[in-house]
Amino acid sequence: MVNLELKDKITKLLEDVRPYLQNDGGDIELIEITDDLTVVVNLLGACGTCPTSVVTLKMGVEKYLKQHMPEIKEVVNASELY
């Protein structure tokens, strides 16, 4: 199980990228952090339906999180899993 300190740090990092997503009419929500440190998020608003959302997720959100927490395996959209 992922500890609270790790979850808080990831939440803070997501707060850092949130304004960029909101500028384009979108948002992001943390769904879970798996035991292998995959961060599962839900892209909301315009980001949820944008054809380039995968690029935003991988080259924006994932890249930023990994810069600050290299132990993160990857960031995935919940819609890809469920």
C-alpha atoms as a PDB file:
ATOM      1  CA  MET A   1       0.000   0.000   0.000  1.00  0.00           C
ATOM      2  CA  VAL A   2       1.230   3.475  -0.900  1.00  0.00           C
ATOM      3  CA  ASN A   3       2.036   5.648   2.100  1.00  0.00           C
ATOM      4  CA  LEU A   4       0.380   8.970   2.830  1.00  0.00           C
ATOM      5  CA  GLU A   5       3.584  10.984   2.386  1.00  0.00           C
ATOM      6  CA  LEU A   6       4.011   9.677  -1.158  1.00  0.00           C
ATOM      7  CA  LYS A   7       0.369  10.401  -1.988  1.00  0.00           C
ATOM      8  CA  ASP A   8       0.700  13.942  -0.614  1.00  0.00           C
ATOM      9  CA  LYS A   9       3.799  14.597  -2.717  1.00  0.00           C
ATOM     10  CA  ILE A  10       2.120  13.357  -5.906  1.00  0.00           C
ATOM     11  CA  THR A  11      -0.994  15.389  -5.112  1.00  0.00           C
ATOM     12  CA  LYS A  12       1.164  18.507  -4.716  1.00  0.00           C
ATOM     13  CA  LEU A  13       2.881  17.872  -8.047  1.00  0.00           C
ATOM     14  CA  LEU A  14      -0.496  17.442  -9.751  1.00  0.00           C
ATOM     15  CA  GLU A  15      -1.558  20.774  -8.226  1.00  0.00           C
ATOM     16  CA  ASP A  16       1.482  22.329  -9.946  1.00  0.00           C
ATOM     17  CA  VAL A  17       0.340  21.174 -13.416  1.00  0.00           C
ATOM     18  CA  ARG A  18      -3.395  21.740 -12.844  1.00  0.00           C
ATOM     19  CA  PRO A  19      -3.377  25.453 -13.894  1.00  0.00           C
ATOM     20  CA  TYR A  20      -1.932  24.543 -17.305  1.00  0.00           C
ATOM     21  CA  LEU A  21      -4.724  22.044 -17.888  1.00  0.00           C
ATOM     22  CA  GLN A  22      -7.360  24.461 -16.614  1.00  0.00           C
ATOM     23  CA  ASN A  23      -6.123  27.137 -19.040  1.00  0.00           C
ATOM     24  CA  ASP A  24      -7.255  24.812 -21.833  1.00  0.00           C
ATOM     25  CA  GLY A  25     -10.597  23.984 -20.214  1.00  0.00           C
ATOM     26  CA  GLY A  26      -9.467  20.752 -18.588  1.00  0.00           C
ATOM     27  CA  ASP A  27      -8.478  19.382 -15.228  1.00  0.00           C
ATOM     28  CA  ILE A  28      -6.943  16.333 -13.607  1.00  0.00           C
ATOM     29  CA  GLU A  29      -8.005  14.096 -10.728  1.00  0.00           C
ATOM     30  CA  LEU A  30      -5.859  11.561  -8.875  1.00  0.00           C
ATOM     31  CA  ILE A  31      -7.616   8.194  -8.821  1.00  0.00           C
ATOM     32  CA  GLU A  32      -4.987   5.920  -7.281  1.00  0.00           C
ATOM     33  CA  ILE A  33      -1.328   5.110  -6.927  1.00  0.00           C
ATOM     34  CA  THR A  34      -0.636   1.441  -7.449  1.00  0.00           C
ATOM     35  CA  ASP A  35       1.905  -0.582  -5.498  1.00  0.00           C
ATOM     36  CA  ASP A  36       4.308  -0.456  -8.463  1.00  0.00           C
ATOM     37  CA  LEU A  37       4.003   3.386  -8.398  1.00  0.00           C
ATOM     38  CA  THR A  38       1.829   3.795 -11.441  1.00  0.00           C
ATOM     39  CA  VAL A  39      -0.150   6.997 -11.006  1.00  0.00           C
ATOM     40  CA  VAL A  40      -3.725   6.628 -12.259  1.00  0.00           C
ATOM     41  CA  VAL A  41      -5.497   9.884 -13.062  1.00  0.00           C
ATOM     42  CA  ASN A  42      -8.714  10.989 -14.668  1.00  0.00           C
ATOM     43  CA  LEU A  43      -8.476  13.755 -17.246  1.00  0.00           C
ATOM     44  CA  LEU A  44     -11.529  15.988 -17.000  1.00  0.00           C
ATOM     45  CA  GLY A  45     -13.247  18.609 -19.119  1.00  0.00           C
ATOM     46  CA  ALA A  46     -11.627  19.419 -22.444  1.00  0.00           C
ATOM     47  CA  CYS A  47      -8.643  17.210 -21.562  1.00  0.00           C
ATOM     48  CA  GLY A  48     -10.905  14.185 -21.232  1.00  0.00           C
ATOM     49  CA  THR A  49     -12.072  14.394 -24.838  1.00  0.00           C
ATOM     50  CA  CYS A  50      -9.065  15.985 -26.515  1.00  0.00           C
ATOM     51  CA  PRO A  51      -7.420  13.838 -29.215  1.00  0.00           C
ATOM     52  CA  THR A  52      -3.974  14.910 -27.963  1.00  0.00           C
ATOM     53  CA  SER A  53      -4.680  14.061 -24.316  1.00  0.00           C
ATOM     54  CA  VAL A  54      -2.214  11.157 -24.457  1.00  0.00           C
ATOM     55  CA  VAL A  55       0.536  13.602 -25.403  1.00  0.00           C
ATOM     56  CA  THR A  56      -0.505  15.938 -22.590  1.00  0.00           C
ATOM     57  CA  LEU A  57      -0.490  13.065 -20.144  1.00  0.00           C
ATOM     58  CA  LYS A  58       2.845  11.535 -21.173  1.00  0.00           C
ATOM     59  CA  MET A  59       4.896  14.547 -22.280  1.00  0.00           C
ATOM     60  CA  GLY A  60       3.416  16.953 -19.752  1.00  0.00           C
ATOM     61  CA  VAL A  61       2.092  15.362 -16.580  1.00  0.00           C
ATOM     62  CA  GLU A  62       4.190  12.178 -16.537  1.00  0.00           C
ATOM     63  CA  LYS A  63       7.392  13.980 -17.506  1.00  0.00           C
ATOM     64  CA  TYR A  64       6.878  16.577 -14.756  1.00  0.00           C
ATOM     65  CA  LEU A  65       6.096  13.983 -12.076  1.00  0.00           C
ATOM     66  CA  LYS A  66       9.091  11.818 -13.040  1.00  0.00           C
ATOM     67  CA  GLN A  67      11.418  14.844 -12.939  1.00  0.00           C
ATOM     68  CA  HIS A  68      10.510  15.298  -9.291  1.00  0.00           C
ATOM     69  CA  MET A  69       9.920  11.644  -8.395  1.00  0.00           C
ATOM     70  CA  PRO A  70      11.950   9.332 -10.648  1.00  0.00           C
ATOM     71  CA  GLU A  71      10.587   6.318  -8.787  1.00  0.00           C
ATOM     72  CA  ILE A  72       7.206   6.773 -10.499  1.00  0.00           C
ATOM     73  CA  LYS A  73       6.739   4.036 -13.092  1.00  0.00           C
ATOM     74  CA  GLU A  74       4.232   5.848 -15.288  1.00  0.00           C
ATOM     75  CA  VAL A  75       1.118   8.012 -15.346  1.00  0.00           C
ATOM     76  CA  VAL A  76      -1.969   6.552 -17.016  1.00  0.00           C
ATOM     77  CA  ASN A  77      -5.490   7.746 -17.653  1.00  0.00           C
ATOM     78  CA  ALA A  78      -8.104   5.750 -15.733  1.00  0.00           C
ATOM     79  CA  SER A  79     -10.182   5.423 -18.905  1.00  0.00           C
ATOM     80  CA  GLU A  80      -7.388   3.257 -20.343  1.00  0.00           C
ATOM     81  CA  LEU A  81      -7.706   0.823 -17.442  1.00  0.00           C
ATOM     82  CA  TYR A  82     -11.386   0.629 -16.577  1.00  0.00           C
END
